[in-house]
């Protein structure tokens, strides 16, 4: 959980990763090239060690969440107005929800989601590490800014997402996503169905990046 965030469920966003940094002289330092794997880092007087534990992913589509609950969490200080707008599509002005702008914001966020047609694949492919491999056409990959080696998620509305490592291949048809029988069974889908796909942002020391 230091690099790959915990997954959400039912279309929710992922959680956050573990983090251990050191605040020194106004600068935040990452004491290891491998996040959260730290040994023998020398501390100095007045250093402040900042430890952030992982947060679990959500449950359910954030754009379908009760607007009143999101508004209450903003008022209670659990989330910021910007978070309410960016994640839940809830626009708050003058301490109140603007329902017209909220509907527009939610529609806009939903329109940016990427869906592709599931194509028949006779087997589920895994690499030498035992990690699931997803073959993706370059045209499809460009729509979600995906490169070979990136991690992606097939989003299920009824369960946790299925994750895989991308391999960009001309052999796959554009706008098609081949998923093997095990993967289709896990997601509860069939060939010909449409499924939402998104790139997963991973974390490394010194920066947040998409691997």
Protein backbone atom coordinates (compact mmCIF):
# COMPACT_ATOMS: atom_id res chain seq x y z
CA UNK A 1 0.00 0.00 0.00
CA UNK A 2 2.99 2.29 -0.31
CA UNK A 3 2.88 2.30 -4.13
CA UNK A 4 -0.39 0.72 -5.26
CA UNK A 5 -3.45 2.22 -3.56
CA UNK A 6 -6.22 0.04 -2.12
CA UNK A 7 -9.17 -0.33 -4.44
CA UNK A 8 -12.65 1.03 -4.04
CA UNK A 9 -15.79 -0.96 -4.77
CA UNK A 10 -18.87 -0.50 -6.90
CA UNK A 11 -17.33 2.23 -9.06
CA UNK A 12 -15.69 4.14 -6.22
CA UNK A 13 -12.26 5.78 -6.35
CA UNK A 14 -9.16 4.14 -4.90
CA UNK A 15 -7.90 4.97 -1.43
CA UNK A 16 -4.62 6.70 -0.60
CA UNK A 17 -1.22 5.12 -0.08
CA UNK A 18 0.99 4.99 3.00
CA UNK A 19 3.49 7.80 3.32
CA UNK A 20 6.42 8.58 5.64
CA UNK A 21 8.26 11.86 5.08
CA UNK A 22 10.46 14.20 7.09
CA UNK A 23 9.86 17.93 7.36
CA UNK A 24 13.21 19.69 7.67
CA UNK A 25 13.74 23.43 7.42
CA UNK A 26 10.48 23.96 5.58
CA UNK A 27 11.19 21.18 3.04
CA UNK A 28 9.44 17.82 2.96
CA UNK A 29 11.94 15.01 2.37
CA UNK A 30 11.25 11.45 1.28
CA UNK A 31 13.81 9.33 3.15
CA UNK A 32 13.67 6.30 0.86
CA UNK A 33 13.53 5.52 -2.84
CA UNK A 34 10.89 2.92 -1.99
CA UNK A 35 7.92 4.54 -0.25
CA UNK A 36 7.40 3.39 3.34
CA UNK A 37 10.42 1.08 3.28
CA UNK A 38 12.81 3.10 5.45
CA UNK A 39 15.86 1.99 7.41
CA UNK A 40 18.65 3.95 9.03
CA UNK A 41 17.60 7.43 7.93
CA UNK A 42 19.43 9.91 10.23
CA UNK A 43 17.14 12.47 11.86
CA UNK A 44 18.31 15.92 12.91
CA UNK A 45 17.23 18.18 15.73
CA UNK A 46 13.85 19.84 15.00
CA UNK A 47 12.98 17.35 12.24
CA UNK A 48 9.29 16.47 12.09
CA UNK A 49 8.33 12.96 10.96
CA UNK A 50 5.07 12.87 9.07
CA UNK A 51 3.31 9.50 8.87
CA UNK A 52 0.19 9.03 6.75
CA UNK A 53 -1.56 5.68 6.89
CA UNK A 54 -3.40 4.25 3.95
CA UNK A 55 -7.08 5.07 3.54
CA UNK A 56 -9.44 2.51 2.09
CA UNK A 57 -11.24 3.16 -1.16
CA UNK A 58 -14.85 4.22 -1.29
CA UNK A 59 -18.00 2.20 -1.93
CA UNK A 60 -20.32 3.15 -4.76
CA UNK A 61 -20.15 5.72 -7.53
CA UNK A 62 -19.18 9.07 -5.94
CA UNK A 63 -21.28 10.92 -8.53
CA UNK A 64 -24.38 9.16 -7.24
CA UNK A 65 -23.76 10.02 -3.59
CA UNK A 66 -26.45 11.88 -1.71
CA UNK A 67 -25.72 15.58 -2.20
CA UNK A 68 -26.88 16.32 1.35
CA UNK A 69 -24.29 13.96 2.82
CA UNK A 70 -21.50 15.54 0.78
CA UNK A 71 -22.64 18.99 1.90
CA UNK A 72 -22.63 17.87 5.55
CA UNK A 73 -19.08 16.50 5.26
CA UNK A 74 -17.90 19.84 3.90
CA UNK A 75 -19.58 21.72 6.76
CA UNK A 76 -18.09 19.27 9.29
CA UNK A 77 -14.62 19.75 7.84
CA UNK A 78 -14.08 16.19 6.59
CA UNK A 79 -13.61 17.22 2.96
CA UNK A 80 -12.90 20.51 1.21
CA UNK A 81 -15.20 22.30 -1.21
CA UNK A 82 -12.74 21.48 -3.98
CA UNK A 83 -12.84 17.79 -3.09
CA UNK A 84 -16.65 17.89 -3.08
CA UNK A 85 -16.60 19.37 -6.56
CA UNK A 86 -13.82 17.25 -8.08
CA UNK A 87 -14.78 13.86 -6.63
CA UNK A 88 -18.51 14.08 -5.94
CA UNK A 89 -19.48 16.74 -8.46
CA UNK A 90 -21.14 18.83 -5.76
CA UNK A 91 -20.80 22.60 -6.19
CA UNK A 92 -21.14 24.63 -2.98
CA UNK A 93 -21.52 28.41 -3.08
CA UNK A 94 -22.23 30.72 -0.14
CA UNK A 95 -22.41 27.70 2.18
CA UNK A 96 -25.22 26.12 0.13
CA UNK A 97 -25.36 23.53 -2.66
CA UNK A 98 -25.97 25.00 -6.10
CA UNK A 99 -28.18 22.26 -7.53
CA UNK A 100 -28.06 23.52 -11.11
CA UNK A 101 -24.25 23.69 -11.20
CA UNK A 102 -24.05 20.35 -9.36
CA UNK A 103 -26.15 18.63 -12.02
CA UNK A 104 -23.99 20.19 -14.73
CA UNK A 105 -20.76 19.22 -12.96
CA UNK A 106 -21.86 15.63 -12.45
CA UNK A 107 -22.93 15.31 -16.09
CA UNK A 108 -19.58 16.70 -17.22
CA UNK A 109 -17.58 14.29 -15.04
CA UNK A 110 -19.63 11.32 -16.24
CA UNK A 111 -19.15 12.31 -19.88
CA UNK A 112 -15.36 12.11 -19.45
CA UNK A 113 -15.42 8.47 -18.37
CA UNK A 114 -14.11 6.01 -20.94
CA UNK A 115 -16.08 2.90 -21.90
CA UNK A 116 -14.97 0.17 -24.29
CA UNK A 117 -16.51 -2.98 -25.75
CA UNK A 118 -15.40 -6.29 -24.22
CA UNK A 119 -14.10 -8.69 -26.86
CA UNK A 120 -13.85 -12.46 -26.59
CA UNK A 121 -10.55 -13.78 -25.25
CA UNK A 122 -10.11 -17.51 -24.66
CA UNK A 123 -7.56 -17.22 -21.86
CA UNK A 124 -6.55 -14.93 -19.00
CA UNK A 125 -2.93 -13.86 -19.44
CA UNK A 126 -0.47 -13.26 -16.60
CA UNK A 127 3.18 -12.14 -16.64
CA UNK A 128 6.17 -13.75 -14.88
CA UNK A 129 5.18 -12.03 -11.62
CA UNK A 130 1.72 -13.56 -11.77
CA UNK A 131 0.16 -10.17 -12.55
CA UNK A 132 -2.75 -9.89 -14.97
CA UNK A 133 -1.88 -8.50 -18.42
CA UNK A 134 -4.26 -6.34 -20.47
CA UNK A 135 -3.59 -6.00 -24.21
CA UNK A 136 -4.76 -2.59 -25.44
CA UNK A 137 -4.80 -1.07 -28.91
CA UNK A 138 -2.76 2.17 -29.26
CA UNK A 139 -5.88 4.15 -30.19
CA UNK A 140 -7.71 2.90 -27.11
CA UNK A 141 -4.63 3.51 -24.96
CA UNK A 142 -4.36 7.11 -26.12
CA UNK A 143 -7.91 7.82 -24.96
CA UNK A 144 -6.94 7.09 -21.36
CA UNK A 145 -3.29 8.19 -21.71
CA UNK A 146 -2.06 4.65 -21.16
CA UNK A 147 1.42 3.29 -21.84
CA UNK A 148 2.89 -0.21 -21.71
CA UNK A 149 3.64 -0.98 -18.06
CA UNK A 150 0.86 1.23 -16.69
CA UNK A 151 -1.76 -0.26 -14.41
CA UNK A 152 -5.41 -0.02 -15.37
CA UNK A 153 -8.71 -0.90 -13.77
CA UNK A 154 -11.83 -2.48 -15.24
CA UNK A 155 -14.59 -0.82 -13.22
CA UNK A 156 -17.44 -2.96 -11.92
CA UNK A 157 -20.60 -1.38 -10.53
CA UNK A 158 -21.22 -4.35 -8.24
CA UNK A 159 -17.79 -5.36 -6.95
CA UNK A 160 -14.17 -4.31 -6.62
CA UNK A 161 -12.41 -3.41 -9.89
CA UNK A 162 -10.20 -5.87 -11.73
CA UNK A 163 -6.66 -4.56 -12.16
CA UNK A 164 -4.15 -5.39 -14.88
CA UNK A 165 -0.85 -4.20 -16.33
CA UNK A 166 -1.13 -2.72 -19.82
CA UNK A 167 0.60 -3.98 -22.93
CA UNK A 168 0.04 -1.75 -25.96
CA UNK A 169 -0.51 -3.95 -29.01
CA UNK A 170 -1.54 -3.34 -32.63
CA UNK A 171 -3.07 -6.83 -32.67
CA UNK A 172 -6.03 -5.67 -30.59
CA UNK A 173 -8.91 -3.93 -32.35
CA UNK A 174 -9.45 -0.24 -31.54
CA UNK A 175 -12.02 0.49 -28.84
CA UNK A 176 -12.03 -3.19 -27.85
CA UNK A 177 -10.88 -4.64 -24.55
CA UNK A 178 -10.12 -8.38 -24.58
CA UNK A 179 -10.83 -9.94 -21.18
CA UNK A 180 -10.42 -13.66 -20.47
CA UNK A 181 -13.13 -15.95 -19.07
CA UNK A 182 -11.97 -15.67 -15.46
CA UNK A 183 -11.84 -11.89 -15.66
CA UNK A 184 -15.29 -11.72 -17.27
CA UNK A 185 -16.69 -13.97 -14.56
CA UNK A 186 -15.15 -11.84 -11.80
CA UNK A 187 -16.66 -8.69 -13.32
CA UNK A 188 -19.98 -10.32 -14.17
CA UNK A 189 -19.80 -9.33 -17.83
CA UNK A 190 -19.92 -10.99 -21.25
CA UNK A 191 -18.26 -10.34 -24.58
CA UNK A 192 -20.04 -7.46 -26.28
CA UNK A 193 -20.77 -5.63 -23.02
CA UNK A 194 -19.41 -2.15 -22.43
CA UNK A 195 -17.07 -1.63 -19.51
CA UNK A 196 -15.47 1.43 -17.99
CA UNK A 197 -11.66 1.48 -17.97
CA UNK A 198 -9.39 3.94 -16.19
CA UNK A 199 -5.67 4.34 -15.59
CA UNK A 200 -4.53 3.88 -12.01
CA UNK A 201 -2.09 6.41 -10.56
CA UNK A 202 0.71 4.79 -8.59
CA UNK A 203 3.07 6.46 -6.12
CA UNK A 204 6.84 6.45 -5.87
CA UNK A 205 9.30 8.39 -3.73
CA UNK A 206 9.95 12.05 -4.61
CA UNK A 207 6.79 12.38 -6.69
CA UNK A 208 3.35 11.03 -7.38
CA UNK A 209 3.38 9.47 -10.81
CA UNK A 210 1.51 7.18 -13.11
CA UNK A 211 3.89 4.28 -13.64
